[in-house]
Protein backbone atom coordinates (compact mmCIF):
# COMPACT_ATOMS: atom_id res chain seq x y z
CA MET A 1 -2.34 -34.08 -1.93
CA ILE A 2 -5.49 -33.26 0.04
CA LEU A 3 -5.63 -29.81 -1.58
CA ARG A 4 -5.38 -31.28 -5.10
CA LYS A 5 -8.04 -33.89 -4.36
CA PHE A 6 -10.36 -31.20 -3.01
CA THR A 7 -9.86 -28.89 -5.99
CA SER A 8 -10.45 -31.69 -8.48
CA THR A 9 -14.01 -32.20 -7.17
CA PHE A 10 -14.81 -28.75 -5.82
CA PHE A 11 -16.42 -27.26 -8.90
CA TYR A 12 -18.96 -30.09 -9.02
CA ASP A 13 -20.07 -29.62 -5.40
CA SER A 14 -22.48 -26.72 -5.06
CA LYS A 15 -22.25 -26.64 -1.27
CA LYS A 16 -18.48 -26.31 -1.26
CA ILE A 17 -18.66 -23.63 -3.92
CA LEU A 18 -21.15 -21.64 -1.87
CA ILE A 19 -19.15 -21.98 1.34
CA LEU A 20 -15.87 -20.83 -0.21
CA PHE A 21 -17.57 -18.07 -2.15
CA LEU A 22 -19.27 -16.63 0.94
CA PHE A 23 -16.17 -16.99 3.10
CA ILE A 24 -13.67 -15.29 0.76
CA SER A 25 -16.10 -12.74 -0.64
CA GLY A 26 -17.40 -11.78 2.80
CA SER A 27 -13.87 -11.25 4.09
CA LEU A 28 -12.91 -9.08 1.12
CA ILE A 29 -16.10 -7.01 1.42
CA ILE A 30 -15.24 -6.25 5.05
CA ASP A 31 -11.70 -5.38 4.02
CA THR A 32 -12.73 -2.98 1.24
CA SER A 33 -15.43 -1.38 3.43
CA PHE A 34 -13.00 -0.70 6.27
CA GLY A 35 -10.49 0.65 3.75
CA ILE A 36 -13.06 3.22 2.58
CA ILE A 37 -14.21 4.45 6.01
CA PRO A 38 -11.19 4.13 8.36
CA ASP A 39 -11.47 7.77 9.44
CA PHE A 40 -14.91 6.95 10.93
CA ILE A 41 -13.77 3.85 12.85
CA THR A 42 -10.19 4.74 13.81
CA GLU A 43 -10.47 3.58 17.42
CA PHE A 44 -11.79 0.18 16.38
CA ILE A 45 -9.23 -0.61 13.70
CA ILE A 46 -6.22 0.26 15.89
CA SER A 47 -7.59 -1.88 18.72
CA LEU A 48 -6.51 -5.47 19.28
CA THR A 49 -9.76 -6.64 17.70
CA GLY A 50 -9.21 -4.50 14.60
CA ILE A 51 -5.59 -5.63 14.16
CA SER A 52 -6.61 -9.28 14.69
CA LEU A 53 -9.35 -8.90 12.06
CA PHE A 54 -6.85 -7.43 9.58
CA ILE A 55 -4.44 -10.33 10.11
CA PHE A 56 -7.27 -12.87 9.83
CA ILE A 57 -8.44 -11.39 6.51
CA SER A 58 -4.83 -11.28 5.29
CA LEU A 59 -4.39 -14.99 6.05
CA ILE A 60 -7.62 -15.80 4.22
CA THR A 61 -6.30 -13.81 1.27
CA ILE A 62 -2.98 -15.68 1.20
CA LEU A 63 -4.61 -19.12 1.48
CA GLY A 64 -7.28 -18.15 -1.06
CA ILE A 65 -4.69 -17.05 -3.62
CA LEU A 66 -2.67 -20.27 -3.19
CA TRP A 67 -5.77 -22.47 -3.38
CA LEU A 68 -7.19 -20.83 -6.49
CA GLN A 69 -3.79 -20.75 -8.16
CA ASN A 70 -3.43 -24.47 -7.52
CA PHE A 71 -6.87 -25.18 -8.94
CA VAL A 72 -6.37 -23.21 -12.15
CA SER A 73 -2.87 -24.43 -12.93
CA LYS A 74 -3.05 -28.09 -11.85
CA ASP A 75 -6.50 -29.10 -13.06
CA ASN A 76 -6.19 -27.48 -16.47
CA GLU A 77 -2.65 -28.43 -17.49
CA ASN A 78 -3.85 -29.90 -20.80
CA ILE A 79 -5.56 -26.64 -21.83
CA ILE A 80 -2.68 -24.44 -20.69
CA SER A 81 -0.07 -26.56 -22.46
CA LYS A 82 -1.87 -26.16 -25.79
CA SER A 83 -2.09 -22.36 -25.59
CA LYS A 84 1.04 -20.21 -25.56
CA TYR A 85 -1.09 -17.29 -24.42
CA LEU A 86 -2.45 -19.16 -21.37
CA ALA A 87 0.94 -20.70 -20.54
CA ASN A 88 2.66 -17.29 -20.46
CA PHE A 89 -0.28 -15.71 -18.67
CA PHE A 90 -0.29 -18.24 -15.83
CA LEU A 91 3.49 -18.12 -15.44
CA MET A 92 3.33 -14.34 -15.02
CA THR A 93 0.37 -14.45 -12.63
CA LYS A 94 2.07 -17.10 -10.51
CA VAL A 95 5.18 -14.94 -10.05
CA ILE A 96 3.13 -11.81 -9.34
CA ASN A 97 0.92 -13.60 -6.82
CA TYR A 98 4.00 -14.73 -4.87
CA ILE A 99 5.26 -11.13 -4.82
CA LEU A 100 1.91 -9.89 -3.52
CA ILE A 101 1.80 -12.62 -0.87
CA ALA A 102 5.36 -11.84 0.26
CA ASN A 103 4.52 -8.14 0.45
CA LEU A 104 1.43 -8.86 2.55
CA ILE A 105 3.41 -11.11 4.91
CA ILE A 106 6.02 -8.35 5.40
CA VAL A 107 3.25 -5.92 6.39
CA ILE A 108 1.79 -8.42 8.87
CA ILE A 109 5.22 -9.02 10.47
CA CYS A 110 5.96 -5.28 10.72
CA ILE A 111 2.60 -4.65 12.40
CA LEU A 112 2.99 -7.51 14.88
CA ILE A 113 6.62 -6.82 15.82
CA PHE A 114 7.13 -3.07 15.26
CA SER A 115 3.53 -1.70 15.35
CA ARG A 116 4.15 0.10 12.06
CA TYR A 117 4.36 -0.49 8.34
CA SER A 118 5.72 1.36 5.31
CA THR A 119 3.76 3.06 2.55
CA ILE A 120 6.29 1.45 0.20
CA ASN A 121 4.40 -1.82 0.70
CA LEU A 122 1.17 -0.08 -0.31
CA LEU A 123 2.83 1.41 -3.38
CA ILE A 124 4.08 -2.04 -4.44
CA THR A 125 0.59 -3.56 -4.31
CA ASN A 126 -1.11 -0.52 -5.83
CA ASN A 127 1.26 -0.36 -8.81
CA ILE A 128 1.16 -4.10 -9.45
CA MET A 129 -2.62 -3.89 -9.46
CA ALA A 130 -2.75 -0.82 -11.71
CA ILE A 131 -0.07 -1.87 -14.20
CA MET A 132 -0.33 -5.66 -14.37
CA GLY A 133 -4.09 -5.80 -13.85
CA SER A 134 -4.76 -3.36 -16.69
CA LEU A 135 -2.13 -5.08 -18.86
CA PHE A 136 -3.78 -8.50 -18.47
CA LEU A 137 -7.21 -7.05 -19.26
CA THR A 138 -5.84 -5.22 -22.31
CA ILE A 139 -4.15 -8.35 -23.64
CA LEU A 140 -7.39 -10.32 -23.18
CA GLY A 141 -9.34 -7.59 -24.99
CA LEU A 142 -6.87 -7.47 -27.89
CA LYS A 143 -6.88 -11.27 -28.05
CA PHE A 144 -10.67 -11.29 -28.46
CA ILE A 145 -10.64 -8.52 -31.08
CA LYS A 146 -7.87 -10.25 -33.07
CA TRP A 147 -9.81 -13.49 -32.82
CA TYR A 148 -12.94 -11.78 -34.16
CA ILE A 149 -11.06 -10.19 -37.10
CA SER A 150 -9.55 -13.53 -38.14
CA ASP A 151 -12.67 -15.63 -37.66
CA ARG A 152 -15.77 -13.39 -37.47
CA THR A 153 -17.87 -16.28 -36.17
CA SER A 154 -19.24 -14.35 -33.22
CA ILE A 155 -19.82 -10.68 -32.48
CA ILE A 156 -19.37 -11.56 -28.78
CA LEU A 157 -15.61 -11.46 -29.24
CA LEU A 158 -15.67 -7.89 -30.56
CA ILE A 159 -18.06 -6.70 -27.83
CA TYR A 160 -16.06 -8.29 -25.04
CA GLY A 161 -12.78 -7.09 -26.52
CA GLY A 162 -13.96 -3.48 -26.57
CA SER A 163 -15.33 -3.78 -23.04
CA PHE A 164 -12.07 -5.13 -21.59
CA ILE A 165 -9.87 -2.50 -23.24
CA ILE A 166 -12.06 0.39 -22.08
CA PHE A 167 -12.19 -1.04 -18.57
CA ALA A 168 -8.40 -1.58 -18.57
CA VAL A 169 -7.81 2.10 -19.40
CA SER A 170 -10.15 3.21 -16.60
CA PHE A 171 -8.64 0.65 -14.23
CA PHE A 172 -5.09 1.87 -14.88
CA PHE A 173 -5.68 5.59 -14.50
CA GLY A 174 -8.05 5.09 -11.56
CA TYR A 175 -5.49 3.22 -9.45
CA PHE A 176 -2.21 4.59 -10.84
CA SER A 177 -3.34 8.10 -9.96
CA GLU A 178 -3.59 7.02 -6.31
CA ASN A 179 0.21 6.96 -6.22
CA LEU A 180 0.10 10.75 -5.92
CA TYR A 181 -1.81 10.50 -2.66
CA LEU A 182 0.30 7.66 -1.28
CA LEU A 183 3.53 9.56 -2.01
CA ASP A 184 2.24 12.49 0.05
CA LYS A 185 1.85 10.24 3.08
CA PRO A 186 4.60 9.58 5.68
CA ILE A 187 6.85 6.69 4.68
CA VAL A 188 6.18 5.00 8.04
CA ILE A 189 2.60 4.59 9.27
CA THR A 190 1.92 4.09 12.99
CA PRO A 191 -1.32 3.97 15.03
CA SER A 192 -0.77 7.56 16.19
CA ILE A 193 -0.87 9.06 12.68
CA GLU A 194 -4.18 10.76 11.90
CA VAL A 195 -6.34 9.03 9.31
CA LYS A 196 -7.92 11.48 6.90
CA TYR A 197 -8.94 11.66 3.29
CA PRO A 198 -6.04 13.14 1.32
CA LEU A 199 -6.37 16.22 -0.85
CA SER A 200 -3.92 16.86 -3.66
CA ASP A 201 -3.52 20.03 -5.71
CA GLY A 202 -2.44 19.95 -9.33
CA ASP A 203 -3.43 16.34 -10.00
CA PRO A 204 -2.22 15.55 -13.57
CA PHE A 205 -4.98 12.96 -13.88
CA GLU A 206 -7.76 15.41 -13.09
CA PHE A 207 -8.83 15.59 -16.73
CA PHE A 208 -9.47 11.85 -16.66
CA TYR A 209 -11.86 11.92 -13.70
CA ASP A 210 -14.46 13.79 -15.76
CA ILE A 211 -14.80 10.88 -18.17
CA TYR A 212 -13.90 8.00 -15.83
CA THR A 213 -17.50 7.25 -14.86
CA TYR A 214 -18.69 7.25 -18.47
CA LEU A 215 -15.87 4.94 -19.58
CA ILE A 216 -16.84 2.50 -16.83
CA ASP A 217 -20.49 2.75 -17.95
CA ILE A 218 -19.62 2.02 -21.58
CA SER A 219 -17.44 -0.90 -20.55
CA LEU A 220 -20.17 -2.31 -18.30
CA ILE A 221 -22.91 -1.95 -20.93
CA LEU A 222 -20.76 -3.71 -23.54
CA PHE A 223 -20.00 -6.47 -21.06
CA LEU A 224 -23.69 -6.95 -20.22
CA VAL A 225 -24.63 -7.13 -23.91
CA GLY A 226 -21.84 -9.61 -24.61
CA SER A 227 -22.79 -11.69 -21.59
CA TYR A 228 -26.41 -11.92 -22.69
CA ILE A 229 -25.38 -13.11 -26.16
CA LEU A 230 -22.95 -15.63 -24.65
CA LEU A 231 -25.24 -17.06 -21.98
CA ASN A 232 -28.21 -17.07 -24.35
CA ASN A 233 -26.51 -19.92 -26.23
CA TYR A 234 -26.89 -22.17 -23.19
CA LEU A 235 -30.40 -21.21 -22.10
CA GLU A 236 -33.87 -22.36 -23.02
CA ASN A 237 -36.34 -19.68 -24.14
CA VAL A 238 -38.19 -19.72 -20.82
CA TYR A 239 -35.11 -18.50 -18.93
CA ARG A 240 -33.99 -15.76 -21.34
CA LEU A 241 -36.35 -13.12 -19.99
CA ARG A 242 -35.02 -13.75 -16.47
CA LEU A 243 -31.48 -13.28 -17.75
CA ILE A 244 -32.37 -9.97 -19.38
CA LEU A 245 -34.08 -8.72 -16.21
CA THR A 246 -31.12 -9.75 -14.03
CA LEU A 247 -28.57 -7.99 -16.23
CA VAL A 248 -30.70 -4.84 -16.60
CA LEU A 249 -31.35 -4.67 -12.84
CA SER A 250 -27.63 -5.07 -12.13
CA PHE A 251 -26.84 -2.00 -14.22
CA PHE A 252 -29.75 -0.06 -12.72
CA LEU A 253 -28.47 -0.82 -9.21
CA TYR A 254 -24.95 0.25 -10.17
CA PHE A 255 -26.35 3.48 -11.63
CA ILE A 256 -28.50 4.29 -8.59
CA VAL A 257 -25.73 3.95 -6.00
CA ASN A 258 -23.35 6.09 -8.09
CA LEU A 259 -25.66 9.03 -8.80
CA ASP A 260 -23.13 11.49 -7.38
CA SER A 261 -20.67 10.50 -10.11
CA TYR A 262 -23.12 11.85 -12.70
CA GLY A 263 -23.74 15.07 -10.81
CA ILE A 264 -27.37 14.10 -10.17
CA ILE A 265 -27.00 14.28 -6.39
CA GLU A 266 -24.38 15.81 -4.14
CA THR A 267 -22.20 13.84 -1.75
CA PRO A 268 -23.49 14.47 1.81
CA ASN A 269 -21.37 16.68 4.07
CA ALA A 270 -22.45 15.43 7.50
CA ASP A 271 -20.10 12.76 8.85
CA GLN A 272 -22.84 10.29 9.78
CA SER A 273 -24.58 10.67 6.42
CA LEU A 274 -21.24 10.35 4.62
CA PHE A 275 -20.44 7.16 6.53
CA TYR A 276 -23.66 5.44 5.46
CA TYR A 277 -23.36 6.85 1.95
CA TYR A 278 -19.94 5.21 1.44
CA ILE A 279 -21.17 1.90 2.84
CA ILE A 280 -24.31 1.87 0.68
CA GLN A 281 -22.35 2.85 -2.43
CA ASN A 282 -19.78 0.11 -1.80
CA LEU A 283 -22.31 -2.64 -1.05
CA GLY A 284 -24.66 -1.52 -3.85
CA THR A 285 -21.93 -1.71 -6.47
CA VAL A 286 -20.84 -5.12 -5.17
CA ALA A 287 -24.47 -6.33 -5.23
CA GLY A 288 -24.76 -5.28 -8.89
CA GLY A 289 -21.61 -7.25 -9.70
CA CYS A 290 -22.92 -10.25 -7.78
CA MET A 291 -26.08 -10.21 -9.89
CA ILE A 292 -24.02 -10.37 -13.08
CA GLY A 293 -21.80 -13.10 -11.66
CA TYR A 294 -24.88 -15.00 -10.48
CA SER A 295 -26.13 -15.09 -14.07
CA PHE A 296 -23.00 -16.99 -15.14
CA TRP A 297 -23.28 -19.20 -12.06
CA LYS A 298 -26.93 -20.04 -12.64
CA VAL A 299 -26.45 -20.89 -16.32
CA GLY A 300 -23.47 -23.07 -15.46
CA LYS A 301 -25.46 -24.85 -12.78
CA ARG A 302 -28.30 -25.59 -15.24
CA LEU A 303 -25.91 -27.28 -17.68
CA GLY A 304 -25.23 -30.20 -15.35
CA ASN A 305 -22.00 -31.80 -14.15
CA ALA A 306 -21.27 -33.59 -17.41
CA ASN A 307 -21.12 -30.40 -19.46
CA PRO A 308 -17.53 -29.04 -19.64
CA ILE A 309 -18.78 -25.45 -19.95
CA ARG A 310 -20.19 -25.65 -16.41
CA LYS A 311 -16.77 -25.32 -14.77
CA TYR A 312 -15.69 -22.45 -17.04
CA LEU A 313 -18.86 -20.45 -16.37
CA ILE A 314 -18.47 -20.94 -12.62
CA MET A 315 -14.86 -19.79 -12.80
CA THR A 316 -15.95 -16.72 -14.77
CA SER A 317 -18.64 -16.01 -12.21
CA PHE A 318 -16.26 -16.35 -9.30
CA GLY A 319 -13.59 -14.13 -10.86
CA LEU A 320 -16.15 -11.53 -11.96
CA ILE A 321 -17.69 -11.13 -8.51
CA LEU A 322 -14.26 -10.88 -6.90
CA ILE A 323 -13.27 -8.14 -9.36
CA PHE A 324 -16.37 -6.12 -8.48
CA ILE A 325 -15.54 -6.47 -4.78
CA ILE A 326 -11.84 -5.68 -5.11
CA THR A 327 -12.26 -2.61 -7.31
CA GLN A 328 -14.20 -0.91 -4.50
CA GLY A 329 -11.04 -0.90 -2.39
CA THR A 330 -8.48 1.86 -1.97
CA LEU A 331 -5.26 2.44 -0.04
CA ILE A 332 -5.10 6.26 -0.11
CA MET A 333 -6.36 6.60 3.48
CA THR A 334 -3.32 4.61 4.77
CA PRO A 335 -4.99 3.48 8.00
CA PHE A 336 -3.26 1.38 10.64
CA PRO A 337 -3.53 -1.50 9.94
CA PRO A 338 -3.91 -1.04 6.14
CA PHE A 339 -7.40 -2.35 5.45
CA GLY A 340 -7.84 -2.64 1.68
CA LEU A 341 -4.38 -4.13 1.12
CA SER A 342 -5.63 -7.73 1.29
CA SER A 343 -8.35 -7.08 -1.29
CA LEU A 344 -6.01 -5.40 -3.75
CA SER A 345 -3.54 -8.26 -3.28
CA PHE A 346 -6.29 -10.58 -4.54
CA VAL A 347 -6.77 -8.77 -7.86
CA ILE A 348 -4.39 -10.82 -10.03
CA ILE A 349 -5.86 -14.19 -9.05
CA ALA A 350 -9.37 -12.76 -9.57
CA ILE A 351 -8.45 -11.57 -13.07
CA SER A 352 -6.80 -14.94 -13.66
CA LEU A 353 -10.00 -16.82 -12.82
CA PHE A 354 -12.11 -14.48 -14.92
CA ASN A 355 -9.64 -14.56 -17.82
CA PHE A 356 -9.37 -18.34 -17.94
CA GLY A 357 -13.07 -19.02 -17.43
CA LEU A 358 -14.27 -16.59 -20.09
CA TYR A 359 -11.50 -17.44 -22.56
CA ALA A 360 -12.21 -21.18 -22.27
CA THR A 361 -15.96 -20.57 -22.58
CA ALA A 362 -15.42 -18.44 -25.70
CA ILE A 363 -13.21 -21.11 -27.29
CA SER A 364 -15.76 -23.83 -26.52
CA LEU A 365 -18.57 -21.70 -27.96
CA SER A 366 -16.50 -20.98 -31.08
CA GLN A 367 -15.92 -24.71 -31.49
CA ASP A 368 -19.65 -25.32 -31.10
CA VAL A 369 -20.35 -22.76 -33.84
CA LYS A 370 -17.91 -24.49 -36.20
CA LEU A 371 -19.42 -27.88 -35.47
CA ARG A 372 -22.93 -26.55 -36.05
CA GLN A 373 -21.77 -25.15 -39.38
CA THR A 374 -20.44 -28.59 -40.27
CA ILE A 375 -23.72 -30.23 -39.24
CA LYS A 376 -25.70 -27.73 -41.29
CA LEU A 377 -23.52 -28.19 -44.36
CA LYS A 378 -23.56 -32.00 -44.20
CA THR A 379 -27.29 -32.08 -43.50
CA LYS A 380 -28.07 -29.89 -46.51
CA ARG A 381 -25.93 -32.09 -48.73
CA ASN A 382 -27.99 -35.09 -47.64
CA ILE A 383 -31.31 -33.27 -47.75
CA ASN A 384 -32.93 -35.69 -50.19
CA LEU A 385 -32.36 -38.59 -47.82
CA LEU A 386 -32.96 -36.71 -44.60
CA SER A 387 -36.07 -34.90 -45.70
CA SER A 388 -38.15 -37.73 -44.29
CA ILE A 389 -36.99 -37.05 -40.73
CA GLY A 390 -39.82 -36.50 -38.29
CA LYS A 391 -41.96 -39.28 -39.72
CA ALA A 392 -43.12 -42.04 -37.42
CA GLN A 393 -40.55 -44.54 -38.68
CA MET A 394 -37.03 -43.87 -40.01
CA THR A 395 -35.74 -45.87 -42.93
CA SER A 396 -32.42 -47.67 -42.66
CA GLU A 397 -31.02 -45.26 -45.25
CA LEU A 398 -31.98 -42.29 -43.11
CA GLN A 399 -30.41 -43.81 -40.01
CA ARG A 400 -27.22 -44.55 -41.92
CA ALA A 401 -27.05 -41.00 -43.28
CA MET A 402 -27.48 -39.55 -39.80
CA SER A 403 -24.85 -41.90 -38.43
CA ASP A 404 -22.38 -40.81 -41.13
CA ILE A 405 -22.92 -37.14 -40.30
CA LYS A 406 -22.51 -37.82 -36.58
CA THR A 407 -19.26 -39.66 -37.23
CA ILE A 408 -17.87 -36.76 -39.27
CA VAL A 409 -18.90 -34.20 -36.65
CA GLU A 410 -17.55 -36.25 -33.75
CA LYS A 411 -14.23 -36.64 -35.56
CA GLU A 412 -14.00 -32.89 -36.11
CA GLU A 413 -15.02 -32.34 -32.49
CA LYS A 414 -12.16 -34.56 -31.31
CA GLN A 415 -9.68 -32.70 -33.53
CA LEU A 416 -10.76 -29.35 -32.07
CA GLU A 417 -10.44 -30.71 -28.54
CA GLU A 418 -6.94 -32.04 -29.22
CA LYS A 419 -5.93 -28.68 -30.67
CA THR A 420 -7.20 -26.51 -27.80
CA GLY A 421 -7.54 -28.93 -24.90
CA ILE A 422 -11.08 -27.61 -24.39
CA GLU A 423 -14.14 -29.80 -24.82
CA THR A 424 -17.20 -28.65 -26.71
CA SER A 425 -20.64 -28.67 -25.13
CA LEU A 426 -22.30 -30.56 -28.01
CA SER A 427 -23.42 -34.06 -27.11
CA ALA A 428 -24.61 -36.76 -29.52
CA GLU A 429 -28.17 -35.79 -28.64
CA ASN A 430 -27.41 -32.13 -29.40
CA ILE A 431 -26.04 -33.10 -32.81
CA GLN A 432 -29.19 -35.03 -33.70
CA ASP A 433 -31.46 -32.25 -32.39
CA TYR A 434 -29.63 -29.67 -34.45
CA MET A 435 -29.91 -31.85 -37.56
CA LYS A 436 -33.68 -31.94 -37.02
CA GLN A 437 -33.72 -28.18 -36.53
CA VAL A 438 -31.85 -27.62 -39.81
CA LEU A 439 -34.29 -29.86 -41.65
CA GLU A 440 -37.26 -28.04 -40.15
CA GLU A 441 -35.79 -24.70 -41.25
CA ILE A 442 -35.27 -26.03 -44.76
CA GLY A 443 -38.79 -27.45 -44.82
CA ASN A 444 -40.30 -24.15 -43.65
CA SER A 445 -38.26 -22.28 -46.21
CA LYS A 446 -39.59 -24.51 -48.99
CA LYS A 447 -43.17 -23.99 -47.80
CA ARG A 448 -42.76 -20.22 -47.85
CA SER A 449 -41.29 -20.43 -51.36
CA LYS A 450 -44.27 -22.44 -52.62
CA GLU A 451 -46.75 -20.03 -51.01
CA THR A 452 -45.13 -17.05 -52.75
């Protein structure tokens, strides 16, 4: 009961959002970082402090998954019930999350009681992440593309759809190929087993690594373009330049910390240099993702508590940042304890947040576009009466005409909300402002016609 009450108000309390964000994200960043460099800090991670830290992060992961799952499913039942896609999606993610939690608990118990764990547990998480994570992203991408083909109201859908499918392909091969390294490891991992970066000859996925970086780049560029177009709909002109700069800088930062992937620089050979290189690369990539997520967060915050899009943009932001953090993790080093496992166990709930937030935002925006089309059509039909708008005093006829249009639009708005369960972001004031904008456009068009 307390959990449900907290989640129902959480997304309208900036302080609580910030606290949870920093707590979960910080824990997962530590987890992914230790999973990348365990061969440099072996003595620490096998110590009591290291094992305690692993268990602490694992517990945060379990509680975080359950909390976020409760928020998404319980507070959005109306939306989920009206969409077969969302209903099936959340049923699948719920089952998968329980499997990942159970797998993580088994690892914790084995470490505490037997001082060992099995690589089978790592293979379970790695394959769920690779297969189900890429599947969910592919379905979302295809959903957006199909939506664009049937409606064609917004190019955002096509851009996002392409981005998700390309990323899903990279995501699948990138993590599924790690099975080869995990299968070469001993089936039982103990503190005495040497931690070293695995080398595998005859990797069947080797051909893919040459294009992996470029596929990620294409996916990221498409996502940034789509995000600018999407967020631009909710921003005033004064903030649009800031949005462009933030998105461009995020890609520039990602590019800079991954220069070795393009063959521009070589990976350092010295152990100390390599240690710092991995840390900087990990944190730099995460920082770039945080900048993109912050853009969604900031726009959502500017909309105010009353705007339904606020919650969806914050959910998208939260899921997006978590995805950037999680995808820096790996299990191929198989350290004891297995740092990186908690982060990868979080991937499905992160994709769930991102999926729901962006999907709901896209639906709301699509509804806004349809309503604006209705406003424009009705306004043009009443142009003779409404042409006097902007004068110091409105006539009763003008007020009545505007009221009639508002009534029609509000009725259509209610029908769309009942159909999807998602509110639009257009208020009565927005409707009137857009009517004025349409009339100004018509007036300017007439002036240009007379001048020519």
